[in-house]
Every structure is written in C-alpha cells, then in structure tokens.
Amino acid sequence: MPELYFSSWTAFFEMGGYALFVWLSFGVTFALLGLLWWHSQLGHRQMLRQLAAKQAREFRVQQQLQQEQS
C-alpha cells in the first residue's frame, strides 16, 4: 500500500494550513458543475418541448392540406 503524504486524516483536512482555500475551491468547483448540469437539463427539456410543438404544428398543417385536397 502506498505511503500517504499526510501523517493523519486531520493533517489531510488541514491541507498544510491551506484548508480554507483548498476546500473552498473544491466546493465552488462542484457547485458550478452542479449548476452547469442543472442548466443543461433545463435547456434539454426546453428543446424537447419546442421540437414536440414544431412536430405538432407540422402535423396540423399536413392534416389541413389533406383536407383541402379532398
């Protein structure tokens, strides 16, 4: 098993005196990744709704054209 750089878990979480910077950086990074995922999901759902609406419009136009030709 490889030897750890830190002597204990406490030393690991303190990060050599830079804990605030290190853990805040991790927190901000994961928060931004979460926001990016959430925003992407919203955009995906909106695109699917727009596509469904466009297909419904095209279907109605086709139906109307067929009725006019009959």
C-alpha atoms as a PDB file:
ATOM      1  CA  MET A   1       0.000   0.000   0.000  1.00  0.00           C
ATOM      2  CA  PRO A   2       1.443   3.420  -0.891  1.00  0.00           C
ATOM      3  CA  GLU A   3       2.542   5.725   1.871  1.00  0.00           C
ATOM      4  CA  LEU A   4       0.410   8.830   2.328  1.00  0.00           C
ATOM      5  CA  TYR A   5       1.860  12.320   2.188  1.00  0.00           C
ATOM      6  CA  PHE A   6      -0.088  13.393   5.281  1.00  0.00           C
ATOM      7  CA  SER A   7       0.590  11.887   8.697  1.00  0.00           C
ATOM      8  CA  SER A   8      -3.091  11.768   9.701  1.00  0.00           C
ATOM      9  CA  TRP A   9      -6.579  12.489   8.471  1.00  0.00           C
ATOM     10  CA  THR A  10      -6.579  15.729  10.443  1.00  0.00           C
ATOM     11  CA  ALA A  11      -3.432  16.853   8.640  1.00  0.00           C
ATOM     12  CA  PHE A  12      -5.070  15.890   5.353  1.00  0.00           C
ATOM     13  CA  PHE A  13      -8.152  18.006   6.049  1.00  0.00           C
ATOM     14  CA  GLU A  14      -5.995  20.935   7.226  1.00  0.00           C
ATOM     15  CA  MET A  15      -4.002  20.781   3.968  1.00  0.00           C
ATOM     16  CA  GLY A  16      -0.859  22.224   5.445  1.00  0.00           C
ATOM     17  CA  GLY A  17      -2.588  25.443   6.515  1.00  0.00           C
ATOM     18  CA  TYR A  18      -4.334  25.997   3.181  1.00  0.00           C
ATOM     19  CA  ALA A  19      -7.559  24.176   4.071  1.00  0.00           C
ATOM     20  CA  LEU A  20      -9.836  27.185   3.552  1.00  0.00           C
ATOM     21  CA  PHE A  21      -8.533  27.784   0.030  1.00  0.00           C
ATOM     22  CA  VAL A  22      -8.401  24.107  -0.954  1.00  0.00           C
ATOM     23  CA  TRP A  23     -11.827  23.043   0.329  1.00  0.00           C
ATOM     24  CA  LEU A  24     -13.494  26.257  -0.783  1.00  0.00           C
ATOM     25  CA  SER A  25     -12.068  25.669  -4.268  1.00  0.00           C
ATOM     26  CA  PHE A  26     -13.438  22.139  -4.305  1.00  0.00           C
ATOM     27  CA  GLY A  27     -16.811  23.359  -3.061  1.00  0.00           C
ATOM     28  CA  VAL A  28     -17.078  26.120  -5.665  1.00  0.00           C
ATOM     29  CA  THR A  29     -15.998  23.739  -8.420  1.00  0.00           C
ATOM     30  CA  PHE A  30     -18.587  21.102  -7.532  1.00  0.00           C
ATOM     31  CA  ALA A  31     -21.294  23.747  -7.059  1.00  0.00           C
ATOM     32  CA  LEU A  32     -20.560  25.178 -10.511  1.00  0.00           C
ATOM     33  CA  LEU A  33     -20.545  21.716 -12.063  1.00  0.00           C
ATOM     34  CA  GLY A  34     -23.917  21.063 -10.441  1.00  0.00           C
ATOM     35  CA  LEU A  35     -25.302  24.340 -11.771  1.00  0.00           C
ATOM     36  CA  LEU A  36     -23.972  23.542 -15.234  1.00  0.00           C
ATOM     37  CA  TRP A  37     -25.660  20.127 -15.164  1.00  0.00           C
ATOM     38  CA  TRP A  38     -28.949  21.662 -13.955  1.00  0.00           C
ATOM     39  CA  HIS A  39     -28.853  24.379 -16.630  1.00  0.00           C
ATOM     40  CA  SER A  40     -28.099  21.786 -19.311  1.00  0.00           C
ATOM     41  CA  GLN A  41     -31.082  19.714 -18.186  1.00  0.00           C
ATOM     42  CA  LEU A  42     -33.338  22.765 -18.409  1.00  0.00           C
ATOM     43  CA  GLY A  43     -32.114  23.536 -21.921  1.00  0.00           C
ATOM     44  CA  HIS A  44     -32.589  19.923 -22.982  1.00  0.00           C
ATOM     45  CA  ARG A  45     -36.181  19.850 -21.708  1.00  0.00           C
ATOM     46  CA  GLN A  46     -36.934  23.170 -23.410  1.00  0.00           C
ATOM     47  CA  MET A  47     -35.524  21.893 -26.698  1.00  0.00           C
ATOM     48  CA  LEU A  48     -37.656  18.746 -26.465  1.00  0.00           C
ATOM     49  CA  ARG A  49     -40.793  20.834 -25.821  1.00  0.00           C
ATOM     50  CA  GLN A  50     -40.007  23.070 -28.790  1.00  0.00           C
ATOM     51  CA  LEU A  51     -39.410  20.048 -31.015  1.00  0.00           C
ATOM     52  CA  ALA A  52     -42.708  18.475 -29.952  1.00  0.00           C
ATOM     53  CA  ALA A  53     -44.530  21.756 -30.636  1.00  0.00           C
ATOM     54  CA  LYS A  54     -42.920  22.031 -34.086  1.00  0.00           C
ATOM     55  CA  GLN A  55     -43.864  18.461 -34.952  1.00  0.00           C
ATOM     56  CA  ALA A  56     -47.438  19.078 -33.803  1.00  0.00           C
ATOM     57  CA  ARG A  57     -47.641  22.208 -35.994  1.00  0.00           C
ATOM     58  CA  GLU A  58     -46.316  20.319 -38.991  1.00  0.00           C
ATOM     59  CA  PHE A  59     -48.801  17.516 -38.394  1.00  0.00           C
ATOM     60  CA  ARG A  60     -51.701  20.016 -38.223  1.00  0.00           C
ATOM     61  CA  VAL A  61     -50.534  21.661 -41.460  1.00  0.00           C
ATOM     62  CA  GLN A  62     -50.347  18.258 -43.184  1.00  0.00           C
ATOM     63  CA  GLN A  63     -53.826  17.379 -41.949  1.00  0.00           C
ATOM     64  CA  GLN A  64     -55.220  20.686 -43.196  1.00  0.00           C
ATOM     65  CA  LEU A  65     -53.575  20.273 -46.598  1.00  0.00           C
ATOM     66  CA  GLN A  66     -55.017  16.777 -46.940  1.00  0.00           C
ATOM     67  CA  GLN A  67     -58.495  18.044 -46.030  1.00  0.00           C
ATOM     68  CA  GLU A  68     -58.258  20.828 -48.584  1.00  0.00           C
ATOM     69  CA  GLN A  69     -57.208  18.379 -51.319  1.00  0.00           C
ATOM     70  CA  SER A  70     -60.139  16.042 -50.597  1.00  0.00           C
END
